[in-house]
Amino acid sequence: MRADRLVSLVLLLRQHGQMSATTLARELEVSTRTVLRDIEALSAAGVPVYAERGRHGGFALLPGFRTELTGLSHDEALALLVAGSRRGAQAFGLGSALASAMLKVVDALPAGYRDTASDAARRLLIDPETDLLARRLAAEEVPDAIAAEVRRAVLAGHKLRIRYAAVDQPPKWRTVDPIGLVTVREQGYLLATRSGADRTYRLSRILAAEELPEPAQRPDRVDLDRAWQERSTRFRTGGDQVTVLVRMNPARREELVGTALAVRAEETDADGWSRLEAAFQDRRHAEWALWQLATDAEALAPPWLRASLRDRAAALVTRYESSS
């Protein structure tokens, strides 16, 4: 909305001083022409913004002007700034709203706290984009229009029609009763019911969404954390689970534990390697997890898994032996 954008424009000028129209347009994600119109609107409303001409010119506020935003202590603002550094809001299409809110948080601080709180927030990192093995942890992309439509239906308590692409299935339209939104490890999920049965949908697999006018059939109150735990438990204990006995380099243990559904037994061999009994969702999951560990792991059982990994390795050898 334009009112929110005008507030963000004022806060940007307050915190950064003089800024060019091009820089403001980039920060606000609008055109330069829109910025110029907004500057005129602010001037007409009595905000003391002025233009500096020349090559290094731009727009600035008269010294001493500030907005009336108060009430946050240093630690309260620090907590919000650190929380705002997390990328979970992106999964729900709230990235731009979060950026605007953070501007207001910084501006709400007394002048003496503003710089120290911003610096402190930069020294605390939550959910880095890259792990210790230099693998980039990419958040799933959810189009803003889809995220916004899903979010509106959840908050309004309306039924939702989605076109969903489940794994190994063609996309299908389905109507659901949305309960809530959850983000886990940079992946967003919609918790809902369909014909009375619990359903969980990954937001990145929703290809289209439409909020319907009919009220959703759902309880008035919900414990979202408990609902997520219950569904996670059902996922981990259902399906075509397989149990694998694996012998592996302990240096890679956390990698296996991080992808397995559960580790049910563990001991250490005489040579220092670990022997684990791990559960996986299905055969494909088990094969994929063991293949990632290469020679740092050996599947001891079941026989079909040993045969599958052997055939994979043999095919790879054949490919490179025949390569020119």
C-alpha atoms as a PDB file:
ATOM      1  CA  MET A   1       0.000   0.000   0.000  1.00  0.00           C
ATOM      2  CA  ARG A   2       1.149   3.541  -0.719  1.00  0.00           C
ATOM      3  CA  ALA A   3       0.883   4.672   2.920  1.00  0.00           C
ATOM      4  CA  ASP A   4       3.265   1.907   4.011  1.00  0.00           C
ATOM      5  CA  ARG A   5       5.653   2.821   1.217  1.00  0.00           C
ATOM      6  CA  LEU A   6       5.679   6.497   2.249  1.00  0.00           C
ATOM      7  CA  VAL A   7       6.521   5.525   5.826  1.00  0.00           C
ATOM      8  CA  SER A   8       9.311   3.254   4.573  1.00  0.00           C
ATOM      9  CA  LEU A   9      10.662   6.092   2.412  1.00  0.00           C
ATOM     10  CA  VAL A  10      10.831   8.435   5.414  1.00  0.00           C
ATOM     11  CA  LEU A  11      12.528   5.765   7.537  1.00  0.00           C
ATOM     12  CA  LEU A  12      15.113   5.081   4.828  1.00  0.00           C
ATOM     13  CA  LEU A  13      16.008   8.771   4.658  1.00  0.00           C
ATOM     14  CA  ARG A  14      16.159   8.980   8.450  1.00  0.00           C
ATOM     15  CA  GLN A  15      18.540   6.059   8.752  1.00  0.00           C
ATOM     16  CA  HIS A  16      20.738   6.561   5.683  1.00  0.00           C
ATOM     17  CA  GLY A  17      20.679  10.321   5.203  1.00  0.00           C
ATOM     18  CA  GLN A  18      20.841  11.509   1.604  1.00  0.00           C
ATOM     19  CA  MET A  19      19.795   8.915  -0.961  1.00  0.00           C
ATOM     20  CA  SER A  20      19.331   9.117  -4.719  1.00  0.00           C
ATOM     21  CA  ALA A  21      16.000   8.422  -6.381  1.00  0.00           C
ATOM     22  CA  THR A  22      17.531   5.347  -8.029  1.00  0.00           C
ATOM     23  CA  THR A  23      18.683   3.909  -4.693  1.00  0.00           C
ATOM     24  CA  LEU A  24      15.317   4.604  -3.091  1.00  0.00           C
ATOM     25  CA  ALA A  25      13.528   2.940  -5.994  1.00  0.00           C
ATOM     26  CA  ARG A  26      15.703  -0.153  -5.603  1.00  0.00           C
ATOM     27  CA  GLU A  27      15.109  -0.347  -1.846  1.00  0.00           C
ATOM     28  CA  LEU A  28      11.349   0.114  -2.189  1.00  0.00           C
ATOM     29  CA  GLU A  29      11.083  -2.112  -5.280  1.00  0.00           C
ATOM     30  CA  VAL A  30       9.273   0.556  -7.322  1.00  0.00           C
ATOM     31  CA  SER A  31      10.134   2.765 -10.298  1.00  0.00           C
ATOM     32  CA  THR A  32      12.093   6.013 -10.049  1.00  0.00           C
ATOM     33  CA  ARG A  33       9.011   7.877 -11.251  1.00  0.00           C
ATOM     34  CA  THR A  34       7.025   6.441  -8.333  1.00  0.00           C
ATOM     35  CA  VAL A  35       9.703   7.641  -5.904  1.00  0.00           C
ATOM     36  CA  LEU A  36       9.505  11.170  -7.323  1.00  0.00           C
ATOM     37  CA  ARG A  37       5.715  11.161  -6.926  1.00  0.00           C
ATOM     38  CA  ASP A  38       6.067   9.940  -3.351  1.00  0.00           C
ATOM     39  CA  ILE A  39       8.574  12.689  -2.563  1.00  0.00           C
ATOM     40  CA  GLU A  40       6.076  15.274  -3.825  1.00  0.00           C
ATOM     41  CA  ALA A  41       3.345  13.709  -1.683  1.00  0.00           C
ATOM     42  CA  LEU A  42       5.526  13.857   1.424  1.00  0.00           C
ATOM     43  CA  SER A  43       6.391  17.500   0.809  1.00  0.00           C
ATOM     44  CA  ALA A  44       2.709  18.347   0.361  1.00  0.00           C
ATOM     45  CA  ALA A  45       1.974  16.606   3.665  1.00  0.00           C
ATOM     46  CA  GLY A  46       4.518  18.751   5.500  1.00  0.00           C
ATOM     47  CA  VAL A  47       7.408  16.294   5.757  1.00  0.00           C
ATOM     48  CA  PRO A  48      10.614  18.384   5.403  1.00  0.00           C
ATOM     49  CA  VAL A  49      12.237  16.501   2.530  1.00  0.00           C
ATOM     50  CA  TYR A  50      14.453  18.422   0.118  1.00  0.00           C
ATOM     51  CA  ALA A  51      16.456  17.671  -3.026  1.00  0.00           C
ATOM     52  CA  GLU A  52      20.215  18.122  -3.444  1.00  0.00           C
ATOM     53  CA  ARG A  53      21.094  18.832  -7.067  1.00  0.00           C
ATOM     54  CA  GLY A  54      24.189  17.674  -8.904  1.00  0.00           C
ATOM     55  CA  ARG A  55      26.016  14.469  -9.743  1.00  0.00           C
ATOM     56  CA  HIS A  56      26.125  13.282  -6.128  1.00  0.00           C
ATOM     57  CA  GLY A  57      22.751  14.695  -5.193  1.00  0.00           C
ATOM     58  CA  GLY A  58      19.652  13.051  -3.896  1.00  0.00           C
ATOM     59  CA  PHE A  59      16.914  13.488  -1.327  1.00  0.00           C
ATOM     60  CA  ALA A  60      17.260  14.097   2.391  1.00  0.00           C
ATOM     61  CA  LEU A  61      15.264  15.186   5.435  1.00  0.00           C
ATOM     62  CA  LEU A  62      15.960  18.386   7.315  1.00  0.00           C
ATOM     63  CA  PRO A  63      18.230  17.733  10.330  1.00  0.00           C
ATOM     64  CA  GLY A  64      16.363  16.960  13.538  1.00  0.00           C
ATOM     65  CA  PHE A  65      13.242  15.517  11.908  1.00  0.00           C
ATOM     66  CA  ARG A  66      12.139  12.163  13.306  1.00  0.00           C
ATOM     67  CA  THR A  67       9.016  10.050  13.332  1.00  0.00           C
ATOM     68  CA  GLU A  68       7.203   9.347  16.586  1.00  0.00           C
ATOM     69  CA  LEU A  69       7.926   5.650  17.119  1.00  0.00           C
ATOM     70  CA  THR A  70       8.859   4.784  20.702  1.00  0.00           C
ATOM     71  CA  GLY A  71       8.501   2.087  23.333  1.00  0.00           C
ATOM     72  CA  LEU A  72      11.216  -0.476  22.498  1.00  0.00           C
ATOM     73  CA  SER A  73      14.144  -1.161  24.801  1.00  0.00           C
ATOM     74  CA  HIS A  74      17.573  -2.027  23.434  1.00  0.00           C
ATOM     75  CA  ASP A  75      17.167  -5.775  24.145  1.00  0.00           C
ATOM     76  CA  GLU A  76      13.614  -5.868  22.757  1.00  0.00           C
ATOM     77  CA  ALA A  77      14.739  -4.270  19.509  1.00  0.00           C
ATOM     78  CA  LEU A  78      17.775  -6.568  19.351  1.00  0.00           C
ATOM     79  CA  ALA A  79      15.525  -9.621  19.727  1.00  0.00           C
ATOM     80  CA  LEU A  80      13.307  -8.422  16.869  1.00  0.00           C
ATOM     81  CA  LEU A  81      16.250  -7.594  14.636  1.00  0.00           C
ATOM     82  CA  VAL A  82      17.810 -11.022  15.172  1.00  0.00           C
ATOM     83  CA  ALA A  83      14.473 -12.746  14.577  1.00  0.00           C
ATOM     84  CA  GLY A  84      14.043 -10.627  11.458  1.00  0.00           C
ATOM     85  CA  SER A  85      17.288 -12.000  10.060  1.00  0.00           C
ATOM     86  CA  ARG A  86      15.682 -15.428   9.691  1.00  0.00           C
ATOM     87  CA  ARG A  87      14.381 -16.263   6.256  1.00  0.00           C
ATOM     88  CA  GLY A  88      11.207 -18.096   7.278  1.00  0.00           C
ATOM     89  CA  ALA A  89       9.048 -15.111   6.329  1.00  0.00           C
ATOM     90  CA  GLN A  90      10.106 -15.610   2.701  1.00  0.00           C
ATOM     91  CA  ALA A  91       8.305 -18.951   2.618  1.00  0.00           C
ATOM     92  CA  PHE A  92       5.020 -17.221   3.457  1.00  0.00           C
ATOM     93  CA  GLY A  93       5.482 -14.315   1.019  1.00  0.00           C
ATOM     94  CA  LEU A  94       6.186 -11.833   3.822  1.00  0.00           C
ATOM     95  CA  GLY A  95       9.747 -10.840   2.889  1.00  0.00           C
ATOM     96  CA  SER A  96       8.955  -7.239   1.905  1.00  0.00           C
ATOM     97  CA  ALA A  97       6.722  -6.746   4.952  1.00  0.00           C
ATOM     98  CA  LEU A  98       9.537  -7.999   7.182  1.00  0.00           C
ATOM     99  CA  ALA A  99      12.017  -5.564   5.645  1.00  0.00           C
ATOM    100  CA  SER A 100       9.611  -2.660   6.237  1.00  0.00           C
ATOM    101  CA  ALA A 101       9.014  -3.755   9.829  1.00  0.00           C
ATOM    102  CA  MET A 102      12.747  -3.913  10.539  1.00  0.00           C
ATOM    103  CA  LEU A 103      13.134  -0.304   9.365  1.00  0.00           C
ATOM    104  CA  LYS A 104      10.500   0.725  11.889  1.00  0.00           C
ATOM    105  CA  VAL A 105      12.142  -1.279  14.663  1.00  0.00           C
ATOM    106  CA  VAL A 106      15.476   0.463  14.133  1.00  0.00           C
ATOM    107  CA  ASP A 107      13.830   3.873  13.979  1.00  0.00           C
ATOM    108  CA  ALA A 108      11.939   3.197  17.210  1.00  0.00           C
ATOM    109  CA  LEU A 109      15.179   3.067  19.190  1.00  0.00           C
ATOM    110  CA  PRO A 110      16.592   6.083  21.003  1.00  0.00           C
ATOM    111  CA  ALA A 111      19.447   7.646  19.044  1.00  0.00           C
ATOM    112  CA  GLY A 112      22.078   6.281  21.439  1.00  0.00           C
ATOM    113  CA  TYR A 113      20.908   2.681  20.986  1.00  0.00           C
ATOM    114  CA  ARG A 114      20.279   2.672  17.256  1.00  0.00           C
ATOM    115  CA  ASP A 115      23.799   1.976  16.013  1.00  0.00           C
ATOM    116  CA  THR A 116      24.717  -0.450  18.787  1.00  0.00           C
ATOM    117  CA  ALA A 117      21.583  -2.559  18.318  1.00  0.00           C
ATOM    118  CA  SER A 118      22.091  -2.786  14.551  1.00  0.00           C
ATOM    119  CA  ASP A 119      25.733  -3.761  15.036  1.00  0.00           C
ATOM    120  CA  ALA A 120      24.821  -6.350  17.687  1.00  0.00           C
ATOM    121  CA  ALA A 121      22.207  -7.921  15.401  1.00  0.00           C
ATOM    122  CA  ARG A 122      24.856  -8.339  12.709  1.00  0.00           C
ATOM    123  CA  ARG A 123      26.957 -10.349  15.170  1.00  0.00           C
ATOM    124  CA  LEU A 124      24.255 -12.977  15.808  1.00  0.00           C
ATOM    125  CA  LEU A 125      23.480 -15.451  13.010  1.00  0.00           C
ATOM    126  CA  ILE A 126      20.518 -17.829  12.869  1.00  0.00           C
ATOM    127  CA  ASP A 127      20.049 -20.426  10.119  1.00  0.00           C
ATOM    128  CA  PRO A 128      23.059 -19.555   7.893  1.00  0.00           C
ATOM    129  CA  GLU A 129      22.669 -20.084   4.153  1.00  0.00           C
ATOM    130  CA  THR A 130      25.723 -22.391   4.013  1.00  0.00           C
ATOM    131  CA  ASP A 131      26.615 -25.268   6.335  1.00  0.00           C
ATOM    132  CA  LEU A 132      30.079 -26.368   7.496  1.00  0.00           C
ATOM    133  CA  LEU A 133      30.555 -28.492   4.374  1.00  0.00           C
ATOM    134  CA  ALA A 134      30.091 -25.398   2.166  1.00  0.00           C
ATOM    135  CA  ARG A 135      26.772 -26.657   0.818  1.00  0.00           C
ATOM    136  CA  ARG A 136      24.340 -23.853   0.170  1.00  0.00           C
ATOM    137  CA  LEU A 137      21.034 -24.338   1.964  1.00  0.00           C
ATOM    138  CA  ALA A 138      18.615 -22.945  -0.592  1.00  0.00           C
ATOM    139  CA  ALA A 139      15.166 -21.922   0.545  1.00  0.00           C
ATOM    140  CA  GLU A 140      12.327 -23.143  -1.647  1.00  0.00           C
ATOM    141  CA  GLU A 141      10.849 -20.563  -3.977  1.00  0.00           C
ATOM    142  CA  VAL A 142       7.144 -19.853  -3.535  1.00  0.00           C
ATOM    143  CA  PRO A 143       5.610 -17.209  -5.841  1.00  0.00           C
ATOM    144  CA  ASP A 144       4.386 -14.223  -3.830  1.00  0.00           C
ATOM    145  CA  ALA A 145       0.905 -14.379  -5.380  1.00  0.00           C
ATOM    146  CA  ILE A 146       0.432 -18.015  -4.327  1.00  0.00           C
ATOM    147  CA  ALA A 147       1.854 -17.449  -0.850  1.00  0.00           C
ATOM    148  CA  ALA A 148      -0.406 -14.423  -0.362  1.00  0.00           C
ATOM    149  CA  GLU A 149      -3.542 -16.309  -1.487  1.00  0.00           C
ATOM    150  CA  VAL A 150      -2.784 -19.245   0.819  1.00  0.00           C
ATOM    151  CA  ARG A 151      -2.012 -16.898   3.699  1.00  0.00           C
ATOM    152  CA  ARG A 152      -5.269 -14.979   3.221  1.00  0.00           C
ATOM    153  CA  ALA A 153      -7.329 -18.168   3.310  1.00  0.00           C
ATOM    154  CA  VAL A 154      -5.553 -19.394   6.452  1.00  0.00           C
ATOM    155  CA  LEU A 155      -6.035 -16.107   8.315  1.00  0.00           C
ATOM    156  CA  ALA A 156      -9.605 -15.521   7.109  1.00  0.00           C
ATOM    157  CA  GLY A 157     -10.705 -19.078   7.841  1.00  0.00           C
ATOM    158  CA  HIS A 158     -11.933 -19.696   4.295  1.00  0.00           C
ATOM    159  CA  LYS A 159     -11.740 -22.812   2.161  1.00  0.00           C
ATOM    160  CA  LEU A 160      -8.827 -22.926  -0.272  1.00  0.00           C
ATOM    161  CA  ARG A 161      -8.632 -24.399  -3.766  1.00  0.00           C
ATOM    162  CA  ILE A 162      -5.113 -25.423  -4.791  1.00  0.00           C
ATOM    163  CA  ARG A 163      -3.497 -27.042  -7.801  1.00  0.00           C
ATOM    164  CA  TYR A 164      -0.978 -29.356  -6.177  1.00  0.00           C
ATOM    165  CA  ALA A 165       1.860 -31.399  -7.693  1.00  0.00           C
ATOM    166  CA  ALA A 166       2.488 -34.340  -5.369  1.00  0.00           C
ATOM    167  CA  VAL A 167       5.662 -36.394  -5.817  1.00  0.00           C
ATOM    168  CA  ASP A 168       5.521 -38.635  -8.898  1.00  0.00           C
ATOM    169  CA  GLN A 169       1.931 -37.577  -9.648  1.00  0.00           C
ATOM    170  CA  PRO A 170       0.411 -35.162 -12.181  1.00  0.00           C
ATOM    171  CA  PRO A 171      -0.856 -31.859 -10.723  1.00  0.00           C
ATOM    172  CA  LYS A 172      -4.459 -31.975  -9.487  1.00  0.00           C
ATOM    173  CA  TRP A 173      -6.963 -29.424  -8.199  1.00  0.00           C
ATOM    174  CA  ARG A 174      -8.267 -30.037  -4.695  1.00  0.00           C
ATOM    175  CA  THR A 175     -10.290 -28.045  -2.156  1.00  0.00           C
ATOM    176  CA  VAL A 176      -9.014 -28.024   1.431  1.00  0.00           C
ATOM    177  CA  ASP A 177      -9.798 -26.504   4.823  1.00  0.00           C
ATOM    178  CA  PRO A 178      -6.598 -24.626   5.829  1.00  0.00           C
ATOM    179  CA  ILE A 179      -5.484 -24.800   9.468  1.00  0.00           C
ATOM    180  CA  GLY A 180      -2.092 -23.084   9.573  1.00  0.00           C
ATOM    181  CA  LEU A 181       1.321 -22.486   8.026  1.00  0.00           C
ATOM    182  CA  VAL A 182       4.638 -23.943   9.210  1.00  0.00           C
ATOM    183  CA  THR A 183       8.193 -23.360   8.030  1.00  0.00           C
ATOM    184  CA  VAL A 184      10.893 -25.986   8.717  1.00  0.00           C
ATOM    185  CA  ARG A 185      14.458 -25.799   7.404  1.00  0.00           C
ATOM    186  CA  GLU A 186      13.534 -23.140   4.858  1.00  0.00           C
ATOM    187  CA  GLN A 187      10.578 -25.187   3.585  1.00  0.00           C
ATOM    188  CA  GLY A 188       7.031 -23.914   3.998  1.00  0.00           C
ATOM    189  CA  TYR A 189       4.060 -26.210   4.637  1.00  0.00           C
ATOM    190  CA  LEU A 190       0.294 -25.777   4.679  1.00  0.00           C
ATOM    191  CA  LEU A 191      -1.495 -27.798   7.340  1.00  0.00           C
ATOM    192  CA  ALA A 192      -5.075 -28.504   6.293  1.00  0.00           C
ATOM    193  CA  THR A 193      -7.860 -31.071   6.256  1.00  0.00           C
ATOM    194  CA  ARG A 194      -9.530 -32.534   3.204  1.00  0.00           C
ATOM    195  CA  SER A 195     -12.851 -34.328   3.594  1.00  0.00           C
ATOM    196  CA  GLY A 196     -12.110 -34.413   7.320  1.00  0.00           C
ATOM    197  CA  ALA A 197      -8.689 -36.101   6.974  1.00  0.00           C
ATOM    198  CA  ASP A 198      -5.415 -34.395   7.944  1.00  0.00           C
ATOM    199  CA  ARG A 199      -3.295 -33.254   5.014  1.00  0.00           C
ATOM    200  CA  THR A 200       0.094 -31.517   4.792  1.00  0.00           C
ATOM    201  CA  TYR A 201       1.085 -29.701   1.591  1.00  0.00           C
ATOM    202  CA  ARG A 202       4.505 -28.307   0.706  1.00  0.00           C
ATOM    203  CA  LEU A 203       4.045 -24.701  -0.441  1.00  0.00           C
ATOM    204  CA  SER A 204       6.618 -25.012  -3.228  1.00  0.00           C
ATOM    205  CA  ARG A 205       4.461 -27.726  -4.852  1.00  0.00           C
ATOM    206  CA  ILE A 206       1.343 -25.541  -4.974  1.00  0.00           C
ATOM    207  CA  LEU A 207       1.132 -24.344  -8.583  1.00  0.00           C
ATOM    208  CA  ALA A 208      -1.970 -22.166  -8.137  1.00  0.00           C
ATOM    209  CA  ALA A 209      -4.210 -21.143  -5.263  1.00  0.00           C
ATOM    210  CA  GLU A 210      -7.625 -19.543  -4.885  1.00  0.00           C
ATOM    211  CA  GLU A 211      -9.276 -18.408  -1.657  1.00  0.00           C
ATOM    212  CA  LEU A 212     -12.955 -19.396  -1.671  1.00  0.00           C
ATOM    213  CA  PRO A 213     -15.759 -17.474   0.065  1.00  0.00           C
ATOM    214  CA  GLU A 214     -17.027 -20.506   2.004  1.00  0.00           C
ATOM    215  CA  PRO A 215     -15.882 -20.776   5.644  1.00  0.00           C
ATOM    216  CA  ALA A 216     -13.390 -23.534   6.357  1.00  0.00           C
ATOM    217  CA  GLN A 217     -14.455 -26.475   8.494  1.00  0.00           C
ATOM    218  CA  ARG A 218     -11.881 -26.231  11.270  1.00  0.00           C
ATOM    219  CA  PRO A 219     -11.699 -25.758  15.067  1.00  0.00           C
ATOM    220  CA  ASP A 220     -11.796 -22.212  16.396  1.00  0.00           C
ATOM    221  CA  ARG A 221      -8.500 -22.704  18.230  1.00  0.00           C
ATOM    222  CA  VAL A 222      -5.446 -24.714  17.218  1.00  0.00           C
ATOM    223  CA  ASP A 223      -2.127 -25.664  18.806  1.00  0.00           C
ATOM    224  CA  LEU A 224      -0.033 -25.500  15.639  1.00  0.00           C
ATOM    225  CA  ASP A 225       3.128 -26.813  17.284  1.00  0.00           C
ATOM    226  CA  ARG A 226       1.298 -29.866  18.591  1.00  0.00           C
ATOM    227  CA  ALA A 227      -0.448 -30.435  15.247  1.00  0.00           C
ATOM    228  CA  TRP A 228       2.904 -30.357  13.451  1.00  0.00           C
ATOM    229  CA  GLN A 229       4.467 -32.796  15.922  1.00  0.00           C
ATOM    230  CA  GLU A 230       1.574 -35.230  15.534  1.00  0.00           C
ATOM    231  CA  ARG A 231       1.774 -35.148  11.736  1.00  0.00           C
ATOM    232  CA  SER A 232       5.553 -35.520  11.821  1.00  0.00           C
ATOM    233  CA  THR A 233       5.207 -38.565  14.053  1.00  0.00           C
ATOM    234  CA  ARG A 234       2.666 -40.155  11.719  1.00  0.00           C
ATOM    235  CA  PHE A 235       4.956 -39.491   8.764  1.00  0.00           C
ATOM    236  CA  ARG A 236       7.925 -41.075  10.504  1.00  0.00           C
ATOM    237  CA  THR A 237       6.029 -44.166  11.594  1.00  0.00           C
ATOM    238  CA  GLY A 238       3.887 -44.734   8.501  1.00  0.00           C
ATOM    239  CA  GLY A 239       4.413 -45.606   4.876  1.00  0.00           C
ATOM    240  CA  ASP A 240       6.683 -48.336   3.492  1.00  0.00           C
ATOM    241  CA  GLN A 241       9.466 -47.866   6.017  1.00  0.00           C
ATOM    242  CA  VAL A 242      12.644 -49.910   5.781  1.00  0.00           C
ATOM    243  CA  THR A 243      15.280 -50.640   8.422  1.00  0.00           C
ATOM    244  CA  VAL A 244      18.924 -50.706   7.392  1.00  0.00           C
ATOM    245  CA  LEU A 245      22.026 -51.999   9.161  1.00  0.00           C
ATOM    246  CA  VAL A 246      24.963 -49.838   8.147  1.00  0.00           C
ATOM    247  CA  ARG A 247      28.631 -49.707   9.081  1.00  0.00           C
ATOM    248  CA  MET A 248      30.151 -46.255   8.626  1.00  0.00           C
ATOM    249  CA  ASN A 249      32.892 -43.755   9.302  1.00  0.00           C
ATOM    250  CA  PRO A 250      31.848 -41.920  12.517  1.00  0.00           C
ATOM    251  CA  ALA A 251      32.912 -38.630  10.924  1.00  0.00           C
ATOM    252  CA  ARG A 252      29.873 -38.927   8.641  1.00  0.00           C
ATOM    253  CA  ARG A 253      27.457 -40.056  11.369  1.00  0.00           C
ATOM    254  CA  GLU A 254      25.596 -36.770  11.708  1.00  0.00           C
ATOM    255  CA  GLU A 255      25.036 -36.698   7.956  1.00  0.00           C
ATOM    256  CA  LEU A 256      23.236 -40.033   8.091  1.00  0.00           C
ATOM    257  CA  VAL A 257      21.333 -39.216  11.291  1.00  0.00           C
ATOM    258  CA  GLY A 258      20.184 -35.948   9.749  1.00  0.00           C
ATOM    259  CA  THR A 259      18.392 -37.716   6.895  1.00  0.00           C
ATOM    260  CA  ALA A 260      17.216 -40.961   8.574  1.00  0.00           C
ATOM    261  CA  LEU A 261      13.807 -41.135  10.219  1.00  0.00           C
ATOM    262  CA  ALA A 262      15.313 -42.681  13.336  1.00  0.00           C
ATOM    263  CA  VAL A 263      18.381 -44.496  14.676  1.00  0.00           C
ATOM    264  CA  ARG A 264      17.166 -47.486  16.680  1.00  0.00           C
ATOM    265  CA  ALA A 265      20.475 -49.051  17.723  1.00  0.00           C
ATOM    266  CA  GLU A 266      24.129 -48.095  17.632  1.00  0.00           C
ATOM    267  CA  GLU A 267      27.478 -49.593  18.642  1.00  0.00           C
ATOM    268  CA  THR A 268      31.155 -49.109  17.840  1.00  0.00           C
ATOM    269  CA  ASP A 269      33.250 -51.752  16.054  1.00  0.00           C
ATOM    270  CA  ALA A 270      36.798 -52.637  17.101  1.00  0.00           C
ATOM    271  CA  ASP A 271      38.254 -50.467  14.342  1.00  0.00           C
ATOM    272  CA  GLY A 272      36.354 -47.382  15.553  1.00  0.00           C
ATOM    273  CA  TRP A 273      33.675 -47.405  12.860  1.00  0.00           C
ATOM    274  CA  SER A 274      30.027 -47.072  13.893  1.00  0.00           C
ATOM    275  CA  ARG A 275      27.398 -49.733  13.322  1.00  0.00           C
ATOM    276  CA  LEU A 276      23.876 -48.314  13.194  1.00  0.00           C
ATOM    277  CA  GLU A 277      20.359 -49.638  12.708  1.00  0.00           C
ATOM    278  CA  ALA A 278      18.519 -46.794  10.958  1.00  0.00           C
ATOM    279  CA  ALA A 279      14.986 -46.396   9.649  1.00  0.00           C
ATOM    280  CA  PHE A 280      14.153 -44.735   6.321  1.00  0.00           C
ATOM    281  CA  GLN A 281      10.853 -43.754   4.745  1.00  0.00           C
ATOM    282  CA  ASP A 282      11.144 -46.242   1.868  1.00  0.00           C
ATOM    283  CA  ARG A 283      13.644 -48.080  -0.330  1.00  0.00           C
ATOM    284  CA  ARG A 284      14.450 -45.051  -2.464  1.00  0.00           C
ATOM    285  CA  HIS A 285      15.150 -42.947   0.630  1.00  0.00           C
ATOM    286  CA  ALA A 286      17.530 -45.583   2.051  1.00  0.00           C
ATOM    287  CA  GLU A 287      19.382 -46.040  -1.233  1.00  0.00           C
ATOM    288  CA  TRP A 288      19.797 -42.299  -1.718  1.00  0.00           C
ATOM    289  CA  ALA A 289      21.101 -41.749   1.844  1.00  0.00           C
ATOM    290  CA  LEU A 290      23.708 -44.510   1.649  1.00  0.00           C
ATOM    291  CA  TRP A 291      24.820 -43.501  -1.851  1.00  0.00           C
ATOM    292  CA  GLN A 292      25.633 -39.989  -0.577  1.00  0.00           C
ATOM    293  CA  LEU A 293      28.138 -41.453   1.894  1.00  0.00           C
ATOM    294  CA  ALA A 294      30.119 -43.275  -0.843  1.00  0.00           C
ATOM    295  CA  THR A 295      32.996 -45.344   0.628  1.00  0.00           C
ATOM    296  CA  ASP A 296      32.454 -43.916   4.119  1.00  0.00           C
ATOM    297  CA  ALA A 297      29.573 -46.328   4.649  1.00  0.00           C
ATOM    298  CA  GLU A 298      28.694 -49.956   3.922  1.00  0.00           C
ATOM    299  CA  ALA A 299      25.141 -51.266   3.950  1.00  0.00           C
ATOM    300  CA  LEU A 300      25.252 -54.645   5.715  1.00  0.00           C
ATOM    301  CA  ALA A 301      21.539 -55.392   5.398  1.00  0.00           C
ATOM    302  CA  PRO A 302      19.051 -55.879   3.836  1.00  0.00           C
ATOM    303  CA  PRO A 303      20.474 -57.741   0.814  1.00  0.00           C
ATOM    304  CA  TRP A 304      18.420 -55.766  -1.738  1.00  0.00           C
ATOM    305  CA  LEU A 305      20.089 -52.538  -0.616  1.00  0.00           C
ATOM    306  CA  ARG A 306      23.591 -53.997  -0.995  1.00  0.00           C
ATOM    307  CA  ALA A 307      22.656 -55.243  -4.464  1.00  0.00           C
ATOM    308  CA  SER A 308      21.179 -51.899  -5.483  1.00  0.00           C
ATOM    309  CA  LEU A 309      24.253 -49.931  -4.369  1.00  0.00           C
ATOM    310  CA  ARG A 310      26.549 -52.468  -6.051  1.00  0.00           C
ATOM    311  CA  ASP A 311      24.662 -52.161  -9.337  1.00  0.00           C
ATOM    312  CA  ARG A 312      24.818 -48.368  -9.138  1.00  0.00           C
ATOM    313  CA  ALA A 313      28.566 -48.419  -8.548  1.00  0.00           C
ATOM    314  CA  ALA A 314      29.105 -50.938 -11.366  1.00  0.00           C
ATOM    315  CA  ALA A 315      27.123 -48.780 -13.793  1.00  0.00           C
ATOM    316  CA  LEU A 316      29.252 -45.777 -12.828  1.00  0.00           C
ATOM    317  CA  VAL A 317      32.475 -47.724 -13.381  1.00  0.00           C
ATOM    318  CA  THR A 318      31.254 -48.902 -16.783  1.00  0.00           C
ATOM    319  CA  ARG A 319      30.323 -45.351 -17.762  1.00  0.00           C
ATOM    320  CA  TYR A 320      33.776 -43.961 -17.001  1.00  0.00           C
ATOM    321  CA  GLU A 321      35.712 -46.938 -18.377  1.00  0.00           C
ATOM    322  CA  SER A 322      34.015 -46.498 -21.767  1.00  0.00           C
ATOM    323  CA  SER A 323      34.399 -42.707 -21.706  1.00  0.00           C
ATOM    324  CA  SER A 324      36.977 -41.254 -24.071  1.00  0.00           C
END
